[in-house]
Amino acid sequence: MNKALLTGLLAVLSAGASAESVLHAAGKALGQISTGVAEGITQPMRDAQPEWITIAPKSKQECIAESGGELNTIYMRCRNGRQEYVRHDADGQKRVLSERPIPQH
């Protein structure tokens, strides 16, 4: 299809334009096509890059409910908040690669 588009573009442009401008237009069209193809290839790679997200501290009641009524590490993580280094898989699932406390500034 790209070949047909390029051929049609060349035919239209060659009717009243010089050879140099035809080549310029053809090169420009080819560059735009290849840019679109490259964007389609690299976008999933950019989307899969890991990133730090911040999970804000929650209220005491929310954290007690989350930890099953116990004052344990789950409760403390919930109360203190945290940052997670995450990557999203192709199917949209979040994978936690690392975790750290929220930095104190």
Protein backbone atom coordinates (compact mmCIF):
# COMPACT_ATOMS: atom_id res chain seq x y z
CA MET A 1 0.00 0.00 0.00
CA ASN A 2 2.83 2.40 0.78
CA LYS A 3 4.30 1.67 -2.65
CA ALA A 4 1.00 2.53 -4.33
CA LEU A 5 0.70 5.72 -2.32
CA LEU A 6 4.21 6.78 -3.23
CA THR A 7 3.65 5.95 -6.90
CA GLY A 8 0.42 7.93 -6.97
CA LEU A 9 2.09 10.85 -5.27
CA LEU A 10 4.89 10.81 -7.83
CA ALA A 11 2.42 10.73 -10.71
CA VAL A 12 0.46 13.70 -9.41
CA LEU A 13 3.51 15.76 -8.62
CA SER A 14 5.31 15.03 -11.88
CA ALA A 15 2.53 16.55 -14.00
CA GLY A 16 3.57 20.16 -13.44
CA ALA A 17 6.69 20.04 -11.34
CA SER A 18 10.36 19.74 -12.09
CA ALA A 19 12.25 16.51 -11.41
CA GLU A 20 13.98 18.04 -8.40
CA SER A 21 10.73 19.02 -6.69
CA VAL A 22 9.26 15.57 -7.45
CA LEU A 23 12.21 13.90 -5.76
CA HIS A 24 11.93 16.29 -2.83
CA ALA A 25 8.21 15.57 -2.42
CA ALA A 26 8.78 11.83 -2.74
CA GLY A 27 11.51 11.92 -0.12
CA LYS A 28 9.32 13.94 2.22
CA ALA A 29 6.41 11.50 1.78
CA LEU A 30 8.67 8.52 2.39
CA GLY A 31 10.08 10.17 5.51
CA GLN A 32 6.59 10.76 6.89
CA ILE A 33 5.61 7.14 6.23
CA SER A 34 8.74 5.79 7.94
CA THR A 35 8.21 8.14 10.90
CA GLY A 36 4.71 6.74 11.36
CA VAL A 37 5.99 3.17 11.21
CA ALA A 38 8.76 3.92 13.73
CA GLU A 39 6.25 5.55 16.09
CA GLY A 40 4.11 2.40 16.00
CA ILE A 41 7.11 0.25 16.84
CA THR A 42 8.62 2.36 19.63
CA GLN A 43 5.41 3.39 21.44
CA PRO A 44 4.93 0.00 23.18
CA MET A 45 8.56 0.13 24.34
CA ARG A 46 8.05 3.61 25.83
CA ASP A 47 4.85 2.45 27.52
CA ALA A 48 6.67 -0.48 29.12
CA GLN A 49 9.35 1.69 30.78
CA PRO A 50 9.31 1.35 34.58
CA GLU A 51 8.37 4.40 36.65
CA TRP A 52 8.17 5.43 40.31
CA ILE A 53 4.63 5.96 41.57
CA THR A 54 3.73 7.31 45.01
CA ILE A 55 1.08 5.63 47.12
CA ALA A 56 -0.13 8.17 49.65
CA PRO A 57 -0.60 7.31 53.33
CA LYS A 58 -4.15 6.27 54.26
CA SER A 59 -6.25 6.83 57.36
CA LYS A 60 -5.99 4.64 60.43
CA GLN A 61 -9.40 3.05 59.78
CA GLU A 62 -8.56 2.23 56.15
CA CYS A 63 -5.24 0.67 57.14
CA ILE A 64 -6.75 -1.42 59.95
CA ALA A 65 -9.31 -2.76 57.48
CA GLU A 66 -6.59 -3.45 54.90
CA SER A 67 -4.42 -5.34 57.41
CA GLY A 68 -7.31 -7.45 58.72
CA GLY A 69 -7.48 -5.68 62.07
CA GLU A 70 -3.84 -6.37 62.96
CA LEU A 71 -1.04 -3.89 63.60
CA ASN A 72 1.54 -5.51 61.33
CA THR A 73 3.81 -4.57 58.41
CA ILE A 74 0.84 -4.24 56.06
CA TYR A 75 -0.67 -1.69 58.44
CA MET A 76 2.61 0.25 58.70
CA ARG A 77 3.12 0.33 54.92
CA CYS A 78 -0.42 1.60 54.53
CA ARG A 79 -0.09 4.30 57.23
CA ASN A 80 3.34 5.53 56.07
CA GLY A 81 2.70 5.36 52.33
CA ARG A 82 5.40 4.28 49.90
CA GLN A 83 6.82 4.58 46.42
CA GLU A 84 6.78 1.66 44.04
CA TYR A 85 8.91 1.19 40.92
CA VAL A 86 6.40 -0.39 38.55
CA ARG A 87 6.18 -1.63 34.98
CA HIS A 88 2.94 -2.41 33.16
CA ASP A 89 2.89 -5.59 31.07
CA ALA A 90 1.38 -5.82 27.61
CA ASP A 91 -1.87 -7.08 29.15
CA GLY A 92 -2.03 -4.05 31.50
CA GLN A 93 -0.97 -5.86 34.68
CA LYS A 94 1.13 -3.83 37.13
CA ARG A 95 4.42 -5.43 38.20
CA VAL A 96 6.16 -3.96 41.26
CA LEU A 97 9.93 -4.12 40.70
CA SER A 98 11.01 -2.29 43.84
CA GLU A 99 9.57 -0.44 46.80
CA ARG A 100 10.88 2.34 49.05
CA PRO A 101 9.59 4.75 51.70
CA ILE A 102 8.42 8.16 50.55
CA PRO A 103 11.50 10.44 50.65
CA GLN A 104 11.45 13.11 53.35
CA HIS A 105 12.31 16.54 51.92
